[in-house]
Amino acid sequence: MPPRIVYLATADARGHLMRAQLIAHSLRAAGASVQVLTTSDEGARFLAGFGIEAPVLSRHYAVQFDREQNMLRRETDRNVAHYVFRPGRMLRDILRLRAWFRDADLVVNDSFHPALLFMGWMPGWRRKVVHVYGASLRHALETNFSGRMPAWMAGIFGRIVAWQIDRSRARIAHDFAYGAPQDDGRGGHQLATPVAVMGADTEAHDDLAPQAAVYLNPHFQEAALADGLERGLADARVPAHLVGEGYAQRAGWHAQDEHWIEMAARSAFIVSAPGMAALSIAAVYRKPILLLLTDQPEQAINAQRAAHLGLHHRIVVWQGRTGDFARAVATAASELLALADSGNAHQAAQEGREAAIARLQHWTVLLHDLAAEKPTR
């Protein structure tokens, strides 16, 4: 019987969903049975665009953001508290998940859904749970209350969360800068963040490639921010391919593009918030990246690490002033164009494709092996 895997991908950001569809397709090709679940109707529609049917587990749990992708901490705390303590929410989801657990060899939690955090430290269930998370996301979660409550209380919260995570069958921390896979021998693994694999024919549409490949996740909805971005790129004379669900009704934008990776790999530079997926694409396909930074703790950590690791990038911070933002975008775009290396673009694309295949294969082998092995505890 093929290994049976349930993969829960939270829909707070599309990086979790993109990772889920990449891994699900790869695992199925390797002979595993994979059922993907998600946490919103929008997330289910996103996955359907990649040929993945994903039932919605719960519509009650979500990290809260405003229209400018600033994380709303109090609203998020309130939402999580209501989810955890109201009987018709997390308890209901745990009861539903019991049926999925019964038939599964492995249950993947991407990333930190509370129901699976709870089940991941409970006897009987924890031997099947694998937590998948960006290294920066785990740090942001464990330090969520730092500076917002007394240090000793924040410390207790962080230790409880860490204990819950570490009790599970296995943990997979991923990062855009990780190299070869690492295994600590106690269920902890480190893998490079998987990215989409571009097509083998990298030169077929090079004449149509934009200079900037833009992707903004659905939390970006503020019209003034889009105005400033468009104006800045136009002032720098940079044609752009614009993708963002939050701007689906805006002229020139696409809600979704299943082949955005092709545009990104052939572009002069990428424009995105500093999520782990975007930084991984920039690293794998060796593209400069313009990072749009808002108040999002995990992404702020990522942006700092991009600088330390020498990734060619510029950071532009949205502070609500369209004119200032447009000027900053124009300056950053011009500087990134100067950094773009068009001399070996074909070779870089081919090497990036090979690196993307290798990253995805590491995930496939590890999860397939975990599902096929009998847990020892």
Protein backbone atom coordinates (compact mmCIF):
# COMPACT_ATOMS: atom_id res chain seq x y z
CA MET A 1 0.00 0.00 0.00
CA PRO A 2 1.42 3.46 -0.89
CA PRO A 3 2.24 5.84 1.97
CA ARG A 4 -0.79 7.97 2.92
CA ILE A 5 -0.11 11.61 3.76
CA VAL A 6 -2.45 14.39 4.88
CA TYR A 7 -1.01 17.86 4.28
CA LEU A 8 -2.67 20.81 6.05
CA ALA A 9 -1.55 24.11 4.50
CA THR A 10 -2.72 27.29 6.19
CA ALA A 11 -4.00 29.92 3.78
CA ASP A 12 -2.68 32.99 5.65
CA ALA A 13 -0.11 33.46 2.90
CA ARG A 14 0.19 31.82 -0.48
CA GLY A 15 3.70 30.53 0.20
CA HIS A 16 2.26 27.73 2.36
CA LEU A 17 -0.20 26.79 -0.38
CA MET A 18 2.40 26.93 -3.15
CA ARG A 19 4.69 24.70 -1.13
CA ALA A 20 1.81 22.28 -0.51
CA GLN A 21 0.94 21.93 -4.19
CA LEU A 22 4.57 21.50 -5.24
CA ILE A 23 5.17 18.80 -2.63
CA ALA A 24 1.82 17.07 -3.18
CA HIS A 25 2.39 16.72 -6.92
CA SER A 26 5.95 15.48 -6.35
CA LEU A 27 4.90 12.96 -3.70
CA ARG A 28 2.10 11.64 -5.88
CA ALA A 29 4.57 11.19 -8.73
CA ALA A 30 6.70 9.18 -6.29
CA GLY A 31 3.77 6.87 -5.53
CA ALA A 32 2.36 8.38 -2.32
CA SER A 33 -1.30 9.13 -1.65
CA VAL A 34 -1.64 12.79 -0.62
CA GLN A 35 -4.71 14.68 0.63
CA VAL A 36 -4.30 18.45 1.00
CA LEU A 37 -6.45 20.45 3.43
CA THR A 38 -6.53 24.23 3.83
CA THR A 39 -8.15 26.95 5.93
CA SER A 40 -10.12 29.25 3.61
CA ASP A 41 -12.26 29.16 0.50
CA GLU A 42 -9.81 31.50 -1.22
CA GLY A 43 -6.99 29.11 -0.40
CA ALA A 44 -8.96 26.20 -1.85
CA ARG A 45 -9.54 28.16 -5.08
CA PHE A 46 -5.83 29.00 -5.25
CA LEU A 47 -4.89 25.33 -4.94
CA ALA A 48 -7.51 24.35 -7.51
CA GLY A 49 -5.61 26.52 -10.01
CA PHE A 50 -2.72 24.08 -9.63
CA GLY A 51 -4.88 20.96 -9.91
CA ILE A 52 -5.15 20.30 -6.16
CA GLU A 53 -8.57 19.63 -4.59
CA ALA A 54 -8.36 20.75 -0.97
CA PRO A 55 -11.29 20.59 1.48
CA VAL A 56 -11.49 23.52 3.91
CA LEU A 57 -10.89 22.36 7.47
CA SER A 58 -11.89 25.56 9.23
CA ARG A 59 -12.75 29.12 8.29
CA HIS A 60 -12.25 30.47 11.81
CA TYR A 61 -8.47 30.49 12.24
CA ALA A 62 -6.35 33.08 10.44
CA VAL A 63 -3.60 35.57 11.17
CA GLN A 64 -5.10 39.05 10.77
CA PHE A 65 -3.68 41.74 8.45
CA ASP A 66 -4.80 45.15 7.25
CA ARG A 67 -4.97 46.25 3.59
CA GLU A 68 -1.27 47.16 3.60
CA GLN A 69 -0.05 43.72 4.86
CA ASN A 70 0.65 45.04 8.35
CA MET A 71 0.07 42.29 10.88
CA LEU A 72 -2.69 43.17 13.37
CA ARG A 73 -1.36 41.67 16.58
CA ARG A 74 -4.28 42.27 18.93
CA GLU A 75 -6.81 41.14 16.33
CA THR A 76 -4.71 38.04 15.66
CA ASP A 77 -4.47 37.25 19.39
CA ARG A 78 -8.23 37.68 19.70
CA ASN A 79 -8.90 35.48 16.67
CA VAL A 80 -6.61 32.71 17.94
CA ALA A 81 -8.13 32.88 21.44
CA HIS A 82 -11.66 32.58 20.04
CA TYR A 83 -10.54 29.70 17.85
CA VAL A 84 -8.84 27.78 20.66
CA PHE A 85 -11.40 28.28 23.44
CA ARG A 86 -14.77 28.30 21.68
CA PRO A 87 -16.01 24.67 21.56
CA GLY A 88 -17.38 24.89 18.04
CA ARG A 89 -14.00 25.79 16.56
CA MET A 90 -10.73 24.06 17.46
CA LEU A 91 -12.46 21.16 19.22
CA ARG A 92 -14.65 20.64 16.17
CA ASP A 93 -11.59 20.65 13.92
CA ILE A 94 -9.80 18.13 16.16
CA LEU A 95 -12.80 15.82 15.90
CA ARG A 96 -12.73 16.16 12.12
CA LEU A 97 -8.98 15.63 11.99
CA ARG A 98 -9.30 12.39 13.98
CA ALA A 99 -10.82 10.76 10.91
CA TRP A 100 -7.97 11.97 8.72
CA PHE A 101 -5.43 10.72 11.28
CA ARG A 102 -7.02 7.28 11.36
CA ASP A 103 -6.24 6.60 7.70
CA ALA A 104 -2.96 8.55 7.42
CA ASP A 105 0.62 7.44 7.92
CA LEU A 106 1.78 11.04 8.24
CA VAL A 107 0.07 14.38 8.90
CA VAL A 108 1.96 17.51 7.84
CA ASN A 109 1.23 20.82 9.60
CA ASP A 110 2.32 23.74 7.36
CA SER A 111 2.52 26.03 9.30
CA PHE A 112 1.56 25.94 13.00
CA HIS A 113 -2.18 25.42 12.78
CA PRO A 114 -3.31 25.36 16.46
CA ALA A 115 -5.33 22.14 16.15
CA LEU A 116 -2.29 20.24 14.90
CA LEU A 117 0.00 21.95 17.41
CA PHE A 118 -2.27 20.46 20.10
CA MET A 119 -2.53 17.06 18.44
CA GLY A 120 1.20 17.05 17.75
CA TRP A 121 2.06 16.69 21.45
CA MET A 122 -0.76 14.36 22.47
CA PRO A 123 -0.02 10.62 22.87
CA GLY A 124 -1.26 8.56 19.94
CA TRP A 125 -1.54 11.50 17.57
CA ARG A 126 1.93 13.00 17.90
CA ARG A 127 3.64 9.99 16.35
CA LYS A 128 2.12 10.99 12.99
CA VAL A 129 2.60 14.79 13.04
CA VAL A 130 5.34 16.63 11.16
CA HIS A 131 5.53 20.40 11.62
CA VAL A 132 6.78 22.37 8.61
CA TYR A 133 7.78 25.99 9.15
CA GLY A 134 10.10 28.72 8.06
CA ALA A 135 12.90 29.23 10.56
CA SER A 136 11.93 32.89 10.92
CA LEU A 137 8.26 31.99 11.47
CA ARG A 138 9.07 29.76 14.44
CA HIS A 139 11.12 32.55 16.00
CA ALA A 140 8.31 35.05 15.40
CA LEU A 141 5.77 32.69 17.00
CA GLU A 142 7.85 31.93 20.08
CA THR A 143 8.55 35.63 20.66
CA ASN A 144 5.02 36.76 19.79
CA PHE A 145 4.41 38.41 23.17
CA SER A 146 7.90 39.84 23.72
CA GLY A 147 7.53 43.51 24.60
CA ARG A 148 3.75 43.17 24.90
CA MET A 149 3.58 41.48 28.31
CA PRO A 150 5.98 41.00 31.24
CA ALA A 151 9.18 39.24 30.15
CA TRP A 152 8.61 36.24 32.39
CA MET A 153 5.13 35.65 30.93
CA ALA A 154 6.39 36.06 27.36
CA GLY A 155 9.19 33.62 28.16
CA ILE A 156 6.78 31.01 29.52
CA PHE A 157 4.64 31.31 26.37
CA GLY A 158 7.70 30.83 24.15
CA ARG A 159 8.86 27.76 26.07
CA ILE A 160 5.39 26.17 25.96
CA VAL A 161 5.15 26.68 22.20
CA ALA A 162 8.66 25.27 21.67
CA TRP A 163 7.81 22.24 23.84
CA GLN A 164 4.62 21.60 21.86
CA ILE A 165 6.47 21.77 18.55
CA ASP A 166 9.34 19.56 19.66
CA ARG A 167 7.07 16.79 20.96
CA SER A 168 5.90 15.92 17.44
CA ARG A 169 7.14 13.00 15.33
CA ALA A 170 9.36 15.30 13.26
CA ARG A 171 10.04 18.95 12.47
CA ILE A 172 11.15 20.41 9.14
CA ALA A 173 12.55 23.93 9.38
CA HIS A 174 13.13 25.51 5.99
CA ASP A 175 14.92 28.63 4.85
CA PHE A 176 15.87 30.28 1.57
CA ALA A 177 19.57 30.15 2.49
CA TYR A 178 19.87 26.55 3.71
CA GLY A 179 22.23 24.30 1.77
CA ALA A 180 22.40 20.50 1.99
CA PRO A 181 19.74 18.76 4.12
CA GLN A 182 20.55 18.46 7.84
CA ASP A 183 19.21 15.93 10.37
CA ASP A 184 19.79 16.30 14.12
CA GLY A 185 18.97 12.65 14.83
CA ARG A 186 16.04 13.59 17.09
CA GLY A 187 13.37 14.30 14.49
CA GLY A 188 14.63 17.75 13.54
CA HIS A 189 15.40 18.41 9.89
CA GLN A 190 16.59 21.43 7.92
CA LEU A 191 15.76 21.77 4.24
CA ALA A 192 16.07 24.57 1.71
CA THR A 193 12.67 26.10 0.93
CA PRO A 194 11.23 24.44 -2.20
CA VAL A 195 10.46 26.60 -5.22
CA ALA A 196 8.58 26.05 -8.46
CA VAL A 197 10.55 24.50 -11.30
CA MET A 198 10.55 26.52 -14.51
CA GLY A 199 10.10 24.81 -17.86
CA ALA A 200 13.06 23.25 -19.62
CA ASP A 201 12.81 25.65 -22.60
CA THR A 202 14.14 28.83 -21.00
CA GLU A 203 14.53 30.79 -24.24
CA ALA A 204 11.15 30.20 -25.86
CA HIS A 205 9.63 33.53 -24.76
CA ASP A 206 12.62 35.62 -23.72
CA ASP A 207 11.46 38.46 -25.96
CA LEU A 208 8.22 38.66 -23.91
CA ALA A 209 9.87 38.57 -20.49
CA PRO A 210 9.26 41.65 -18.32
CA GLN A 211 12.08 43.46 -16.61
CA ALA A 212 10.24 43.17 -13.27
CA ALA A 213 8.18 40.17 -12.14
CA VAL A 214 5.85 41.40 -9.38
CA TYR A 215 4.01 39.18 -6.92
CA LEU A 216 2.06 40.57 -3.95
CA ASN A 217 0.13 38.25 -1.66
CA PRO A 218 -3.62 38.75 -1.08
CA HIS A 219 -3.12 40.92 2.03
CA PHE A 220 -1.95 43.75 -0.25
CA GLN A 221 -5.16 45.58 -1.18
CA GLU A 222 -4.40 49.27 -0.60
CA ALA A 223 -4.89 51.17 -3.88
CA ALA A 224 -2.42 53.92 -2.93
CA LEU A 225 0.35 51.35 -2.51
CA ALA A 226 -0.34 49.89 -5.96
CA ASP A 227 -0.40 53.44 -7.39
CA GLY A 228 3.03 54.13 -5.94
CA LEU A 229 4.48 50.83 -7.13
CA GLU A 230 3.17 51.27 -10.67
CA ARG A 231 4.34 54.89 -10.81
CA GLY A 232 7.79 54.05 -9.48
CA LEU A 233 8.35 51.25 -11.99
CA ALA A 234 7.08 53.46 -14.82
CA ASP A 235 9.40 56.31 -13.78
CA ALA A 236 12.31 53.84 -13.90
CA ARG A 237 11.08 52.72 -17.35
CA VAL A 238 10.67 49.14 -16.16
CA PRO A 239 7.96 47.02 -17.83
CA ALA A 240 6.36 44.76 -15.24
CA HIS A 241 4.27 41.60 -15.00
CA LEU A 242 1.91 42.30 -12.09
CA VAL A 243 0.29 39.52 -10.03
CA GLY A 244 -1.74 40.01 -6.83
CA GLU A 245 -5.10 38.63 -5.71
CA GLY A 246 -5.79 41.80 -3.74
CA TYR A 247 -5.61 43.82 -6.96
CA ALA A 248 -7.57 41.41 -9.16
CA GLN A 249 -9.94 44.17 -10.29
CA ARG A 250 -7.16 46.63 -11.05
CA ALA A 251 -6.16 47.27 -14.67
CA GLY A 252 -2.93 45.55 -15.65
CA TRP A 253 -2.93 43.11 -12.74
CA HIS A 254 -3.54 39.34 -12.72
CA ALA A 255 -5.18 37.67 -9.74
CA GLN A 256 -3.12 34.52 -10.20
CA ASP A 257 -0.57 33.18 -12.66
CA GLU A 258 0.31 29.48 -12.46
CA HIS A 259 3.34 30.21 -14.66
CA TRP A 260 4.67 33.24 -12.77
CA ILE A 261 7.91 31.37 -12.12
CA GLU A 262 8.66 31.51 -15.85
CA MET A 263 8.36 35.30 -15.78
CA ALA A 264 10.44 35.55 -12.60
CA ALA A 265 13.24 33.36 -13.91
CA ARG A 266 13.57 35.44 -17.11
CA SER A 267 13.09 38.86 -15.50
CA ALA A 268 15.79 41.39 -14.62
CA PHE A 269 14.54 41.43 -11.02
CA ILE A 270 11.67 40.34 -8.77
CA VAL A 271 9.36 42.55 -6.70
CA SER A 272 7.67 41.02 -3.64
CA ALA A 273 7.32 41.17 0.11
CA PRO A 274 10.19 39.34 1.86
CA GLY A 275 8.41 36.03 2.31
CA MET A 276 10.46 32.84 2.40
CA ALA A 277 9.16 31.70 -1.00
CA ALA A 278 10.03 34.94 -2.82
CA LEU A 279 13.52 35.06 -1.32
CA SER A 280 14.03 31.41 -2.24
CA ILE A 281 13.10 32.08 -5.86
CA ALA A 282 15.53 34.99 -5.95
CA ALA A 283 18.29 32.82 -4.47
CA VAL A 284 17.68 29.78 -6.68
CA TYR A 285 17.29 31.66 -9.97
CA ARG A 286 19.93 34.26 -8.98
CA LYS A 287 17.69 37.28 -9.40
CA PRO A 288 17.96 40.63 -7.62
CA ILE A 289 14.81 41.37 -5.62
CA LEU A 290 13.01 44.52 -4.55
CA LEU A 291 11.51 43.83 -1.12
CA LEU A 292 8.32 45.68 -0.13
CA LEU A 293 8.47 45.74 3.65
CA THR A 294 5.46 46.30 5.90
CA ASP A 295 4.87 45.51 9.58
CA GLN A 296 5.10 41.73 9.41
CA PRO A 297 7.50 40.20 11.99
CA GLU A 298 8.50 37.07 10.07
CA GLN A 299 9.22 39.04 6.91
CA ALA A 300 11.22 41.68 8.78
CA ILE A 301 13.50 38.88 10.00
CA ASN A 302 13.81 37.57 6.44
CA ALA A 303 14.75 41.00 5.11
CA GLN A 304 17.51 41.35 7.69
CA ARG A 305 18.91 37.94 6.80
CA ALA A 306 18.87 38.75 3.08
CA ALA A 307 21.31 41.55 3.83
CA HIS A 308 23.57 39.35 5.96
CA LEU A 309 23.66 36.65 3.28
CA GLY A 310 24.58 39.01 0.48
CA LEU A 311 21.45 38.50 -1.63
CA HIS A 312 21.25 41.31 -4.20
CA HIS A 313 18.26 43.32 -3.06
CA ARG A 314 16.80 46.68 -2.15
CA ILE A 315 14.23 47.33 0.59
CA VAL A 316 11.41 49.83 0.17
CA VAL A 317 9.14 50.50 3.14
CA TRP A 318 5.51 51.48 2.60
CA GLN A 319 4.58 54.23 5.07
CA GLY A 320 1.35 55.46 3.52
CA ARG A 321 2.79 58.22 1.30
CA THR A 322 2.34 57.37 -2.36
CA GLY A 323 4.75 59.97 -3.76
CA ASP A 324 7.60 59.05 -1.43
CA PHE A 325 6.99 55.37 -2.07
CA ALA A 326 7.01 55.85 -5.86
CA ARG A 327 10.31 57.72 -5.71
CA ALA A 328 11.85 55.02 -3.52
CA VAL A 329 10.62 52.30 -5.89
CA ALA A 330 12.02 54.13 -8.92
CA THR A 331 15.44 54.52 -7.27
CA ALA A 332 15.53 50.88 -6.14
CA ALA A 333 14.39 49.61 -9.55
CA SER A 334 17.11 51.56 -11.34
CA GLU A 335 19.76 50.20 -8.97
CA LEU A 336 18.52 46.62 -9.39
CA LEU A 337 18.56 46.95 -13.17
CA ALA A 338 22.21 47.88 -12.93
CA LEU A 339 22.82 44.71 -10.86
CA ALA A 340 21.00 42.39 -13.27
CA ASP A 341 23.39 40.14 -15.18
CA SER A 342 21.98 39.47 -18.66
CA GLY A 343 25.20 37.99 -20.04
CA ASN A 344 24.64 34.48 -18.67
CA ALA A 345 20.87 34.58 -18.17
CA HIS A 346 20.28 31.28 -19.98
CA GLN A 347 22.92 29.46 -17.95
CA ALA A 348 21.61 30.95 -14.69
CA ALA A 349 18.08 29.84 -15.57
CA GLN A 350 19.23 26.29 -16.33
CA GLU A 351 21.24 26.09 -13.12
CA GLY A 352 18.29 27.52 -11.20
CA ARG A 353 16.01 24.89 -12.69
CA GLU A 354 18.37 22.12 -11.61
CA ALA A 355 18.64 23.60 -8.11
CA ALA A 356 14.83 23.84 -7.85
CA ILE A 357 14.46 20.20 -8.87
CA ALA A 358 17.05 19.16 -6.26
CA ARG A 359 15.32 21.15 -3.49
CA LEU A 360 11.95 19.57 -4.26
CA GLN A 361 13.47 16.10 -4.42
CA HIS A 362 14.89 16.47 -0.91
CA TRP A 363 11.41 17.22 0.43
CA THR A 364 9.85 14.35 -1.49
CA VAL A 365 12.35 11.77 -0.27
CA LEU A 366 12.16 12.89 3.36
CA LEU A 367 8.35 12.99 3.62
CA HIS A 368 7.96 9.76 1.66
CA ASP A 369 10.44 8.02 3.96
CA LEU A 370 8.78 9.41 7.12
CA ALA A 371 5.38 8.18 5.92
CA ALA A 372 6.75 4.74 5.02
CA GLU A 373 8.63 4.23 8.31
CA LYS A 374 6.98 2.89 11.44
CA PRO A 375 7.28 5.56 14.17
CA THR A 376 9.32 4.55 17.18
CA ARG A 377 7.26 6.51 19.70
